[in-house]
Amino acid sequence: MPLHPNQHAYQAGKSVEIALHQLFVQVGKVLDQQETALGVFLDREGAFNNTSYDSICAALFKCGVNYTIVRWIRATLEGGLAEATLSKSSGSIEVSRGCPQGGVLLPFLWCLVVDDLIARHNVGGVHTQGYMDGICLLMVRKFPNMVAGLKQWALHIAETWHDEVGPLVNPDKTGLVVFTKRRKLPGFFLMLLYVTLCRPSISV
């Protein structure tokens, strides 16, 4: 059940160093070819805790996992209880979504879910990398106005995917970086970046 080659988490022979090297190589090509690139770094808020069971099962089915095995995996996830105790009071609530951390299988399930987002972006010409609950989108074009248009498309894809799966983007951990050798960038392009950073959503 191979994952997308740009997914670098929870796999033998992959690491954050390899992910950074891959990104540096892409940025180096951008600068060598006198192009402009916009890097959007997204962090999903409570990704492991908020992923829906439906999205996990859909990802398993997409990979060709047997129906019985998918039902078994769902049964192990459902019905769990979260308990809390404060002083002499305690309470519990049934967990309705999420990949509880600590197991061997659960990180892999998350990778299967987010693999779909990585694939959607890369097919559309956006270099996308994943590591744990973080995603890097690198949009490259010759001119800044073309990058701006590609950014709109990429963030729309990401927003649609997040609506389907569950985890929302954490705006406090979202960052944008422009990679270019241009001395000046058009004012509208800089304004678009400012609006993106100031909005509490990934859409503009």
N, C-alpha and C. Protein backbone atom coordinates (compact mmCIF):
# COMPACT_ATOMS: atom_id res chain seq x y z
N MET A 1 0.85 -1.18 0.00
CA MET A 1 0.00 0.00 0.00
C MET A 1 0.91 1.25 0.00
N PRO A 2 1.54 1.54 -1.13
CA PRO A 2 2.53 2.62 -1.16
C PRO A 2 1.88 3.99 -0.98
N LEU A 3 2.57 4.86 -0.24
CA LEU A 3 2.12 6.24 -0.06
C LEU A 3 2.76 7.12 -1.12
N HIS A 4 2.24 8.33 -1.26
CA HIS A 4 2.80 9.28 -2.21
C HIS A 4 4.26 9.54 -1.84
N PRO A 5 5.15 9.60 -2.83
CA PRO A 5 6.59 9.81 -2.51
C PRO A 5 6.87 11.12 -1.79
N ASN A 6 5.94 12.08 -1.83
CA ASN A 6 6.15 13.35 -1.14
C ASN A 6 5.61 13.34 0.29
N GLN A 7 5.17 12.17 0.76
CA GLN A 7 4.78 12.02 2.16
C GLN A 7 5.99 11.48 2.93
N HIS A 8 6.44 12.23 3.92
CA HIS A 8 7.71 11.90 4.59
C HIS A 8 7.55 11.44 6.03
N ALA A 9 6.35 11.22 6.49
CA ALA A 9 6.15 10.87 7.90
C ALA A 9 5.92 9.38 8.09
N TYR A 10 6.42 8.86 9.20
CA TYR A 10 6.14 7.50 9.66
C TYR A 10 6.50 6.44 8.64
N GLN A 11 7.64 6.62 7.96
CA GLN A 11 8.07 5.63 6.98
C GLN A 11 9.57 5.40 7.12
N ALA A 12 9.97 4.16 6.92
CA ALA A 12 11.39 3.84 6.98
C ALA A 12 12.12 4.55 5.85
N GLY A 13 13.25 5.15 6.17
CA GLY A 13 14.04 5.83 5.16
C GLY A 13 13.59 7.25 4.87
N LYS A 14 12.55 7.72 5.55
CA LYS A 14 12.06 9.09 5.38
C LYS A 14 12.28 9.85 6.69
N SER A 15 12.45 11.17 6.58
CA SER A 15 12.68 11.99 7.77
C SER A 15 12.39 13.44 7.43
N VAL A 16 12.39 14.29 8.46
CA VAL A 16 12.18 15.73 8.24
C VAL A 16 13.36 16.31 7.46
N GLU A 17 14.56 15.76 7.65
CA GLU A 17 15.72 16.25 6.90
C GLU A 17 15.57 15.97 5.41
N ILE A 18 15.06 14.80 5.07
CA ILE A 18 14.85 14.47 3.66
C ILE A 18 13.76 15.36 3.06
N ALA A 19 12.72 15.63 3.85
CA ALA A 19 11.65 16.51 3.37
C ALA A 19 12.19 17.92 3.11
N LEU A 20 13.01 18.43 4.01
CA LEU A 20 13.59 19.76 3.82
C LEU A 20 14.51 19.79 2.61
N HIS A 21 15.29 18.73 2.43
CA HIS A 21 16.19 18.67 1.27
C HIS A 21 15.40 18.69 -0.03
N GLN A 22 14.32 17.93 -0.07
CA GLN A 22 13.48 17.91 -1.28
C GLN A 22 12.93 19.30 -1.59
N LEU A 23 12.50 20.00 -0.54
CA LEU A 23 11.97 21.35 -0.72
C LEU A 23 13.07 22.30 -1.18
N PHE A 24 14.26 22.21 -0.60
CA PHE A 24 15.37 23.07 -0.99
C PHE A 24 15.74 22.87 -2.46
N VAL A 25 15.69 21.62 -2.91
CA VAL A 25 15.98 21.34 -4.32
C VAL A 25 14.97 22.03 -5.22
N GLN A 26 13.69 21.96 -4.85
CA GLN A 26 12.64 22.61 -5.65
C GLN A 26 12.82 24.13 -5.68
N VAL A 27 13.14 24.72 -4.53
CA VAL A 27 13.34 26.17 -4.47
C VAL A 27 14.58 26.56 -5.27
N GLY A 28 15.62 25.74 -5.22
CA GLY A 28 16.82 26.02 -6.00
C GLY A 28 16.54 26.08 -7.49
N LYS A 29 15.68 25.18 -7.98
CA LYS A 29 15.31 25.20 -9.39
C LYS A 29 14.56 26.49 -9.75
N VAL A 30 13.71 26.92 -8.83
CA VAL A 30 12.95 28.16 -9.04
C VAL A 30 13.89 29.34 -9.23
N LEU A 31 14.86 29.47 -8.34
CA LEU A 31 15.79 30.60 -8.39
C LEU A 31 16.69 30.51 -9.62
N ASP A 32 17.13 29.30 -9.97
CA ASP A 32 18.01 29.13 -11.14
C ASP A 32 17.29 29.51 -12.43
N GLN A 33 15.99 29.25 -12.49
CA GLN A 33 15.22 29.51 -13.71
C GLN A 33 14.54 30.88 -13.70
N GLN A 34 14.89 31.74 -12.73
CA GLN A 34 14.36 33.10 -12.65
C GLN A 34 12.83 33.11 -12.55
N GLU A 35 12.28 32.15 -11.81
CA GLU A 35 10.84 32.09 -11.62
C GLU A 35 10.47 32.63 -10.24
N THR A 36 9.18 32.64 -9.96
CA THR A 36 8.67 33.07 -8.65
C THR A 36 7.88 31.92 -8.03
N ALA A 37 8.14 31.66 -6.76
CA ALA A 37 7.43 30.59 -6.07
C ALA A 37 6.85 31.13 -4.77
N LEU A 38 5.68 30.62 -4.43
CA LEU A 38 5.04 30.95 -3.15
C LEU A 38 4.88 29.66 -2.36
N GLY A 39 5.48 29.64 -1.18
CA GLY A 39 5.34 28.49 -0.30
C GLY A 39 4.28 28.76 0.75
N VAL A 40 3.30 27.90 0.83
CA VAL A 40 2.25 28.00 1.84
C VAL A 40 2.40 26.81 2.78
N PHE A 41 2.61 27.10 4.05
CA PHE A 41 2.84 26.06 5.04
C PHE A 41 1.63 25.97 5.97
N LEU A 42 0.93 24.85 5.88
CA LEU A 42 -0.33 24.66 6.61
C LEU A 42 -0.15 23.65 7.73
N ASP A 43 -0.74 23.96 8.86
CA ASP A 43 -0.73 23.05 10.00
C ASP A 43 -2.18 22.78 10.40
N ARG A 44 -2.57 21.52 10.41
CA ARG A 44 -3.94 21.19 10.76
C ARG A 44 -4.13 21.13 12.26
N GLU A 45 -5.17 21.77 12.73
CA GLU A 45 -5.43 21.88 14.16
C GLU A 45 -6.09 20.59 14.67
N GLY A 46 -5.38 19.90 15.56
CA GLY A 46 -5.92 18.64 16.10
C GLY A 46 -6.16 17.61 15.02
N ALA A 47 -5.19 17.45 14.12
CA ALA A 47 -5.41 16.57 12.97
C ALA A 47 -5.74 15.14 13.39
N PHE A 48 -4.97 14.59 14.31
CA PHE A 48 -5.20 13.20 14.71
C PHE A 48 -6.52 13.05 15.46
N ASN A 49 -6.88 14.06 16.23
CA ASN A 49 -8.09 13.96 17.06
C ASN A 49 -9.37 14.23 16.28
N ASN A 50 -9.29 14.97 15.17
CA ASN A 50 -10.50 15.42 14.48
C ASN A 50 -10.78 14.70 13.17
N THR A 51 -9.96 13.77 12.78
CA THR A 51 -10.18 13.06 11.52
C THR A 51 -11.39 12.13 11.66
N SER A 52 -12.30 12.23 10.73
CA SER A 52 -13.53 11.43 10.82
C SER A 52 -13.27 9.98 10.47
N TYR A 53 -14.07 9.09 11.07
CA TYR A 53 -13.95 7.67 10.76
C TYR A 53 -14.32 7.38 9.30
N ASP A 54 -15.27 8.14 8.77
CA ASP A 54 -15.67 7.95 7.37
C ASP A 54 -14.51 8.21 6.43
N SER A 55 -13.73 9.26 6.71
CA SER A 55 -12.60 9.58 5.83
C SER A 55 -11.50 8.53 5.93
N ILE A 56 -11.33 7.96 7.12
CA ILE A 56 -10.34 6.90 7.29
C ILE A 56 -10.75 5.67 6.49
N CYS A 57 -12.02 5.29 6.59
CA CYS A 57 -12.51 4.11 5.85
C CYS A 57 -12.46 4.35 4.35
N ALA A 58 -12.80 5.57 3.92
CA ALA A 58 -12.76 5.89 2.49
C ALA A 58 -11.33 5.76 1.95
N ALA A 59 -10.36 6.21 2.74
CA ALA A 59 -8.97 6.11 2.31
C ALA A 59 -8.52 4.65 2.21
N LEU A 60 -8.99 3.83 3.15
CA LEU A 60 -8.65 2.41 3.11
C LEU A 60 -9.27 1.72 1.89
N PHE A 61 -10.54 2.02 1.63
CA PHE A 61 -11.20 1.44 0.45
C PHE A 61 -10.49 1.87 -0.84
N LYS A 62 -10.06 3.13 -0.88
CA LYS A 62 -9.40 3.64 -2.08
C LYS A 62 -8.10 2.89 -2.35
N CYS A 63 -7.47 2.42 -1.28
CA CYS A 63 -6.22 1.66 -1.43
C CYS A 63 -6.45 0.18 -1.67
N GLY A 64 -7.71 -0.22 -1.76
CA GLY A 64 -8.01 -1.61 -2.07
C GLY A 64 -8.02 -2.54 -0.87
N VAL A 65 -8.16 -2.00 0.33
CA VAL A 65 -8.20 -2.85 1.53
C VAL A 65 -9.53 -3.60 1.57
N ASN A 66 -9.45 -4.84 1.97
CA ASN A 66 -10.64 -5.71 2.05
C ASN A 66 -11.69 -5.11 2.97
N TYR A 67 -12.97 -5.27 2.58
CA TYR A 67 -14.08 -4.69 3.33
C TYR A 67 -14.10 -5.17 4.78
N THR A 68 -13.82 -6.45 5.00
CA THR A 68 -13.84 -7.00 6.36
C THR A 68 -12.77 -6.35 7.23
N ILE A 69 -11.60 -6.12 6.66
CA ILE A 69 -10.51 -5.49 7.41
C ILE A 69 -10.87 -4.05 7.75
N VAL A 70 -11.51 -3.36 6.79
CA VAL A 70 -11.91 -1.97 7.04
C VAL A 70 -12.92 -1.93 8.18
N ARG A 71 -13.88 -2.85 8.18
CA ARG A 71 -14.87 -2.90 9.26
C ARG A 71 -14.19 -3.18 10.60
N TRP A 72 -13.19 -4.05 10.59
CA TRP A 72 -12.49 -4.38 11.83
C TRP A 72 -11.74 -3.15 12.37
N ILE A 73 -11.09 -2.41 11.46
CA ILE A 73 -10.36 -1.22 11.88
C ILE A 73 -11.32 -0.18 12.45
N ARG A 74 -12.46 -0.01 11.79
CA ARG A 74 -13.44 0.96 12.29
C ARG A 74 -13.96 0.54 13.66
N ALA A 75 -14.18 -0.74 13.84
CA ALA A 75 -14.68 -1.23 15.13
C ALA A 75 -13.68 -0.97 16.26
N THR A 76 -12.38 -1.03 15.94
CA THR A 76 -11.37 -0.76 16.97
C THR A 76 -11.31 0.73 17.32
N LEU A 77 -11.73 1.60 16.38
CA LEU A 77 -11.69 3.03 16.63
C LEU A 77 -12.94 3.52 17.36
N GLU A 78 -14.08 2.95 17.00
CA GLU A 78 -15.34 3.41 17.57
C GLU A 78 -15.55 2.87 18.98
N GLY A 79 -16.35 3.62 19.73
CA GLY A 79 -16.72 3.14 21.05
C GLY A 79 -15.75 3.47 22.16
N GLY A 80 -14.69 4.20 21.84
CA GLY A 80 -13.73 4.57 22.88
C GLY A 80 -14.28 5.67 23.77
N LEU A 81 -13.76 5.74 24.99
CA LEU A 81 -14.20 6.75 25.95
C LEU A 81 -13.04 7.64 26.35
N ALA A 82 -13.32 8.93 26.46
CA ALA A 82 -12.35 9.88 26.99
C ALA A 82 -12.79 10.27 28.39
N GLU A 83 -11.93 10.06 29.35
CA GLU A 83 -12.28 10.32 30.73
C GLU A 83 -11.41 11.43 31.31
N ALA A 84 -12.00 12.20 32.21
CA ALA A 84 -11.28 13.27 32.88
C ALA A 84 -11.71 13.31 34.35
N THR A 85 -10.73 13.61 35.20
CA THR A 85 -11.00 13.69 36.64
C THR A 85 -10.43 14.97 37.19
N LEU A 86 -11.23 15.70 37.93
CA LEU A 86 -10.82 16.93 38.58
C LEU A 86 -11.26 16.88 40.03
N SER A 87 -10.26 16.85 40.92
CA SER A 87 -10.54 16.71 42.34
C SER A 87 -11.32 15.40 42.57
N LYS A 88 -12.53 15.50 43.08
CA LYS A 88 -13.32 14.30 43.33
C LYS A 88 -14.38 14.05 42.26
N SER A 89 -14.39 14.90 41.25
CA SER A 89 -15.38 14.76 40.18
C SER A 89 -14.72 14.14 38.94
N SER A 90 -15.46 13.33 38.24
CA SER A 90 -14.95 12.71 37.01
C SER A 90 -16.09 12.60 36.01
N GLY A 91 -15.73 12.49 34.77
CA GLY A 91 -16.72 12.36 33.71
C GLY A 91 -16.11 11.68 32.50
N SER A 92 -16.95 11.20 31.63
CA SER A 92 -16.48 10.53 30.42
C SER A 92 -17.40 10.86 29.27
N ILE A 93 -16.85 10.76 28.06
CA ILE A 93 -17.63 11.02 26.86
C ILE A 93 -17.16 10.07 25.77
N GLU A 94 -18.08 9.62 24.96
CA GLU A 94 -17.72 8.69 23.88
C GLU A 94 -17.02 9.44 22.76
N VAL A 95 -15.93 8.89 22.28
CA VAL A 95 -15.14 9.50 21.21
C VAL A 95 -15.78 9.14 19.88
N SER A 96 -16.06 10.15 19.07
CA SER A 96 -16.76 9.91 17.80
C SER A 96 -15.88 10.10 16.57
N ARG A 97 -14.64 10.49 16.76
CA ARG A 97 -13.73 10.67 15.62
C ARG A 97 -12.30 10.68 16.14
N GLY A 98 -11.35 10.58 15.19
CA GLY A 98 -9.95 10.72 15.55
C GLY A 98 -9.14 9.44 15.43
N CYS A 99 -7.82 9.62 15.31
CA CYS A 99 -6.85 8.53 15.32
C CYS A 99 -6.05 8.63 16.61
N PRO A 100 -6.43 7.93 17.66
CA PRO A 100 -5.70 8.03 18.92
C PRO A 100 -4.21 7.72 18.72
N GLN A 101 -3.36 8.58 19.27
CA GLN A 101 -1.93 8.40 19.09
C GLN A 101 -1.39 7.36 20.06
N GLY A 102 -0.34 6.69 19.65
CA GLY A 102 0.28 5.68 20.50
C GLY A 102 0.31 4.31 19.88
N GLY A 103 -0.55 4.03 18.92
CA GLY A 103 -0.56 2.73 18.26
C GLY A 103 0.32 2.72 17.03
N VAL A 104 0.61 1.52 16.54
CA VAL A 104 1.44 1.37 15.35
C VAL A 104 0.66 1.69 14.08
N LEU A 105 -0.60 1.27 14.04
CA LEU A 105 -1.40 1.43 12.83
C LEU A 105 -1.91 2.86 12.64
N LEU A 106 -2.18 3.56 13.72
CA LEU A 106 -2.89 4.83 13.64
C LEU A 106 -2.15 5.92 12.86
N PRO A 107 -0.84 6.11 13.04
CA PRO A 107 -0.15 7.10 12.20
C PRO A 107 -0.26 6.78 10.71
N PHE A 108 -0.23 5.47 10.39
CA PHE A 108 -0.35 5.07 8.99
C PHE A 108 -1.73 5.42 8.44
N LEU A 109 -2.77 5.27 9.28
CA LEU A 109 -4.11 5.63 8.83
C LEU A 109 -4.19 7.11 8.49
N TRP A 110 -3.55 7.96 9.33
CA TRP A 110 -3.55 9.39 9.04
C TRP A 110 -2.83 9.67 7.73
N CYS A 111 -1.71 8.98 7.49
CA CYS A 111 -0.97 9.18 6.24
C CYS A 111 -1.82 8.82 5.03
N LEU A 112 -2.63 7.77 5.16
CA LEU A 112 -3.52 7.39 4.06
C LEU A 112 -4.55 8.48 3.78
N VAL A 113 -5.07 9.09 4.84
CA VAL A 113 -6.08 10.13 4.68
C VAL A 113 -5.48 11.35 3.99
N VAL A 114 -4.35 11.84 4.49
CA VAL A 114 -3.75 13.06 3.95
C VAL A 114 -3.10 12.81 2.59
N ASP A 115 -2.84 11.55 2.26
CA ASP A 115 -2.24 11.22 0.97
C ASP A 115 -3.10 11.72 -0.19
N ASP A 116 -4.40 11.71 0.02
CA ASP A 116 -5.32 12.17 -1.03
C ASP A 116 -5.13 13.65 -1.33
N LEU A 117 -4.89 14.45 -0.31
CA LEU A 117 -4.67 15.88 -0.52
C LEU A 117 -3.36 16.12 -1.26
N ILE A 118 -2.32 15.40 -0.90
CA ILE A 118 -1.03 15.54 -1.58
C ILE A 118 -1.17 15.19 -3.07
N ALA A 119 -1.90 14.13 -3.34
CA ALA A 119 -2.09 13.69 -4.73
C ALA A 119 -2.90 14.71 -5.53
N ARG A 120 -3.96 15.28 -4.93
CA ARG A 120 -4.79 16.26 -5.64
C ARG A 120 -3.98 17.47 -6.06
N HIS A 121 -3.12 17.95 -5.19
CA HIS A 121 -2.34 19.15 -5.50
C HIS A 121 -1.26 18.87 -6.54
N ASN A 122 -0.56 17.77 -6.39
CA ASN A 122 0.53 17.48 -7.31
C ASN A 122 0.04 17.24 -8.73
N VAL A 123 -1.14 16.68 -8.87
CA VAL A 123 -1.73 16.50 -10.20
C VAL A 123 -1.99 17.86 -10.85
N GLY A 124 -2.35 18.86 -10.05
CA GLY A 124 -2.64 20.18 -10.58
C GLY A 124 -1.43 21.08 -10.77
N GLY A 125 -0.23 20.55 -10.58
CA GLY A 125 0.96 21.35 -10.83
C GLY A 125 1.50 22.08 -9.62
N VAL A 126 1.03 21.73 -8.43
CA VAL A 126 1.53 22.33 -7.19
C VAL A 126 2.38 21.29 -6.48
N HIS A 127 3.65 21.62 -6.25
CA HIS A 127 4.51 20.69 -5.51
C HIS A 127 4.07 20.68 -4.06
N THR A 128 3.65 19.51 -3.58
CA THR A 128 3.09 19.39 -2.24
C THR A 128 3.84 18.32 -1.47
N GLN A 129 4.20 18.65 -0.23
CA GLN A 129 4.88 17.70 0.65
C GLN A 129 4.13 17.60 1.96
N GLY A 130 4.16 16.42 2.54
CA GLY A 130 3.52 16.22 3.83
C GLY A 130 4.49 15.68 4.85
N TYR A 131 4.35 16.14 6.10
CA TYR A 131 5.10 15.56 7.20
C TYR A 131 4.24 15.65 8.46
N MET A 132 3.83 14.50 8.98
CA MET A 132 2.93 14.42 10.12
C MET A 132 1.65 15.22 9.81
N ASP A 133 1.33 16.24 10.62
CA ASP A 133 0.09 17.00 10.38
C ASP A 133 0.34 18.30 9.65
N GLY A 134 1.52 18.44 9.03
CA GLY A 134 1.85 19.65 8.28
C GLY A 134 1.90 19.39 6.78
N ILE A 135 1.54 20.41 6.02
CA ILE A 135 1.57 20.33 4.56
C ILE A 135 2.26 21.57 4.01
N CYS A 136 3.12 21.37 3.03
CA CYS A 136 3.76 22.49 2.34
C CYS A 136 3.30 22.49 0.89
N LEU A 137 2.76 23.63 0.45
CA LEU A 137 2.36 23.82 -0.94
C LEU A 137 3.35 24.79 -1.58
N LEU A 138 3.97 24.38 -2.67
CA LEU A 138 4.91 25.26 -3.38
C LEU A 138 4.38 25.51 -4.78
N MET A 139 3.94 26.75 -5.01
CA MET A 139 3.36 27.14 -6.29
C MET A 139 4.37 27.93 -7.10
N VAL A 140 4.67 27.46 -8.31
CA VAL A 140 5.74 28.04 -9.11
C VAL A 140 5.20 28.48 -10.46
N ARG A 141 5.50 29.70 -10.83
CA ARG A 141 5.18 30.22 -12.15
C ARG A 141 6.22 31.28 -12.53
N LYS A 142 6.19 31.67 -13.79
CA LYS A 142 7.16 32.65 -14.27
C LYS A 142 6.87 34.03 -13.71
N PHE A 143 5.58 34.39 -13.60
CA PHE A 143 5.22 35.74 -13.18
C PHE A 143 4.36 35.69 -11.91
N PRO A 144 4.49 36.71 -11.04
CA PRO A 144 3.75 36.72 -9.77
C PRO A 144 2.23 36.63 -9.93
N ASN A 145 1.67 37.27 -10.98
CA ASN A 145 0.22 37.21 -11.13
C ASN A 145 -0.26 35.79 -11.43
N MET A 146 0.57 35.00 -12.10
CA MET A 146 0.23 33.60 -12.36
C MET A 146 0.32 32.77 -11.08
N VAL A 147 1.28 33.11 -10.22
CA VAL A 147 1.40 32.44 -8.94
C VAL A 147 0.17 32.72 -8.08
N ALA A 148 -0.30 33.97 -8.12
CA ALA A 148 -1.48 34.35 -7.34
C ALA A 148 -2.71 33.53 -7.75
N GLY A 149 -2.88 33.33 -9.06
CA GLY A 149 -4.00 32.53 -9.54
C GLY A 149 -3.90 31.07 -9.11
N LEU A 150 -2.67 30.55 -9.16
CA LEU A 150 -2.45 29.16 -8.75
C LEU A 150 -2.69 28.99 -7.25
N LYS A 151 -2.34 30.01 -6.49
CA LYS A 151 -2.58 29.97 -5.04
C LYS A 151 -4.07 29.85 -4.73
N GLN A 152 -4.88 30.63 -5.46
CA GLN A 152 -6.32 30.58 -5.24
C GLN A 152 -6.85 29.16 -5.46
N TRP A 153 -6.40 28.55 -6.54
CA TRP A 153 -6.84 27.18 -6.87
C TRP A 153 -6.38 26.20 -5.80
N ALA A 154 -5.12 26.29 -5.38
CA ALA A 154 -4.55 25.34 -4.43
C ALA A 154 -5.26 25.43 -3.08
N LEU A 155 -5.53 26.66 -2.62
CA LEU A 155 -6.19 26.81 -1.32
C LEU A 155 -7.65 26.37 -1.39
N HIS A 156 -8.27 26.54 -2.55
CA HIS A 156 -9.64 26.05 -2.71
C HIS A 156 -9.67 24.52 -2.61
N ILE A 157 -8.71 23.86 -3.22
CA ILE A 157 -8.61 22.40 -3.13
C ILE A 157 -8.41 21.98 -1.68
N ALA A 158 -7.52 22.68 -0.98
CA ALA A 158 -7.24 22.35 0.42
C ALA A 158 -8.48 22.56 1.29
N GLU A 159 -9.22 23.65 1.04
CA GLU A 159 -10.40 23.93 1.83
C GLU A 159 -11.48 22.87 1.61
N THR A 160 -11.66 22.47 0.35
CA THR A 160 -12.64 21.43 0.04
C THR A 160 -12.28 20.12 0.73
N TRP A 161 -11.00 19.79 0.70
CA TRP A 161 -10.53 18.56 1.33
C TRP A 161 -10.76 18.60 2.84
N HIS A 162 -10.46 19.73 3.44
CA HIS A 162 -10.64 19.84 4.89
C HIS A 162 -12.11 19.74 5.28
N ASP A 163 -13.00 20.25 4.45
CA ASP A 163 -14.44 20.11 4.72
C ASP A 163 -14.86 18.65 4.69
N GLU A 164 -14.23 17.86 3.83
CA GLU A 164 -14.57 16.45 3.70
C GLU A 164 -14.01 15.62 4.86
N VAL A 165 -12.79 15.94 5.28
CA VAL A 165 -12.07 15.09 6.22
C VAL A 165 -12.31 15.49 7.67
N GLY A 166 -12.27 16.78 7.95
CA GLY A 166 -12.54 17.20 9.33
C GLY A 166 -11.56 18.18 9.92
N PRO A 167 -10.24 17.88 9.96
CA PRO A 167 -9.32 18.80 10.64
C PRO A 167 -9.25 20.16 9.96
N LEU A 168 -9.31 21.22 10.74
CA LEU A 168 -9.22 22.57 10.21
C LEU A 168 -7.78 23.07 10.28
N VAL A 169 -7.47 24.06 9.45
CA VAL A 169 -6.15 24.65 9.47
C VAL A 169 -6.02 25.59 10.66
N ASN A 170 -4.89 25.51 11.32
CA ASN A 170 -4.61 26.41 12.44
C ASN A 170 -4.01 27.70 11.89
N PRO A 171 -4.76 28.82 11.90
CA PRO A 171 -4.26 30.06 11.29
C PRO A 171 -3.02 30.60 11.98
N ASP A 172 -2.85 30.30 13.27
CA ASP A 172 -1.69 30.80 14.00
C ASP A 172 -0.39 30.12 13.56
N LYS A 173 -0.51 28.96 12.93
CA LYS A 173 0.68 28.24 12.48
C LYS A 173 0.79 28.18 10.96
N THR A 174 0.02 29.02 10.28
CA THR A 174 0.07 29.08 8.82
C THR A 174 1.06 30.15 8.40
N GLY A 175 1.93 29.81 7.46
CA GLY A 175 2.93 30.77 7.01
C GLY A 175 3.04 30.80 5.50
N LEU A 176 3.40 31.97 4.96
CA LEU A 176 3.63 32.14 3.53
C LEU A 176 5.03 32.69 3.32
N VAL A 177 5.75 32.12 2.35
CA VAL A 177 7.10 32.57 2.03
C VAL A 177 7.22 32.69 0.52
N VAL A 178 7.74 33.83 0.05
CA VAL A 178 7.96 34.05 -1.38
C VAL A 178 9.42 33.76 -1.70
N PHE A 179 9.64 32.95 -2.72
CA PHE A 179 10.99 32.64 -3.18
C PHE A 179 11.18 33.24 -4.57
N THR A 180 12.06 34.20 -4.70
CA THR A 180 12.27 34.86 -5.99
C THR A 180 13.57 35.66 -5.96
N LYS A 181 14.09 35.94 -7.14
CA LYS A 181 15.25 36.82 -7.26
C LYS A 181 14.84 38.23 -7.67
N ARG A 182 13.54 38.44 -7.82
CA ARG A 182 13.05 39.77 -8.17
C ARG A 182 13.31 40.75 -7.03
N ARG A 183 13.73 41.94 -7.36
CA ARG A 183 13.97 42.96 -6.35
C ARG A 183 12.66 43.55 -5.83
N LYS A 184 11.64 43.60 -6.70
CA LYS A 184 10.35 44.14 -6.30
C LYS A 184 9.24 43.21 -6.78
N LEU A 185 8.18 43.12 -5.98
CA LEU A 185 7.00 42.36 -6.36
C LEU A 185 5.83 43.31 -6.52
N PRO A 186 4.89 43.01 -7.43
CA PRO A 186 3.74 43.88 -7.64
C PRO A 186 2.95 44.10 -6.35
N GLY A 187 2.42 45.29 -6.19
CA GLY A 187 1.67 45.64 -4.98
C GLY A 187 0.48 44.74 -4.75
N PHE A 188 -0.24 44.38 -5.83
CA PHE A 188 -1.43 43.53 -5.66
C PHE A 188 -1.04 42.16 -5.13
N PHE A 189 0.14 41.68 -5.52
CA PHE A 189 0.60 40.38 -5.08
C PHE A 189 0.90 40.40 -3.58
N LEU A 190 1.55 41.45 -3.13
CA LEU A 190 1.84 41.59 -1.70
C LEU A 190 0.56 41.75 -0.90
N MET A 191 -0.40 42.49 -1.44
CA MET A 191 -1.67 42.67 -0.75
C MET A 191 -2.42 41.34 -0.62
N LEU A 192 -2.36 40.51 -1.65
CA LEU A 192 -3.02 39.21 -1.62
C LEU A 192 -2.42 38.33 -0.53
N LEU A 193 -1.11 38.39 -0.37
CA LEU A 193 -0.45 37.62 0.68
C LEU A 193 -0.88 38.12 2.06
N TYR A 194 -0.99 39.44 2.19
CA TYR A 194 -1.38 40.02 3.47
C TYR A 194 -2.80 39.59 3.86
N VAL A 195 -3.70 39.61 2.88
CA VAL A 195 -5.09 39.21 3.13
C VAL A 195 -5.15 37.74 3.53
N THR A 196 -4.35 36.89 2.87
CA THR A 196 -4.35 35.48 3.17
C THR A 196 -3.92 35.22 4.59
N LEU A 197 -2.89 35.94 5.06
CA LEU A 197 -2.37 35.73 6.40
C LEU A 197 -3.33 36.26 7.46
N CYS A 198 -4.07 37.30 7.14
CA CYS A 198 -4.93 37.94 8.13
C CYS A 198 -6.27 37.23 8.29
N ARG A 199 -6.70 36.49 7.27
CA ARG A 199 -7.99 35.80 7.37
C ARG A 199 -7.87 34.58 8.25
N PRO A 200 -8.85 34.27 9.10
CA PRO A 200 -8.79 33.07 9.95
C PRO A 200 -9.20 31.82 9.20
N SER A 201 -9.01 31.80 7.90
CA SER A 201 -9.39 30.66 7.07
C SER A 201 -8.31 30.48 6.04
N ILE A 202 -8.34 29.36 5.33
CA ILE A 202 -7.32 29.14 4.30
C ILE A 202 -7.79 29.69 2.96
N SER A 203 -9.00 30.20 2.88
CA SER A 203 -9.50 30.77 1.64
C SER A 203 -9.41 32.28 1.69
N VAL A 204 -9.39 32.89 0.51
CA VAL A 204 -9.34 34.34 0.43
C VAL A 204 -10.46 34.82 -0.47
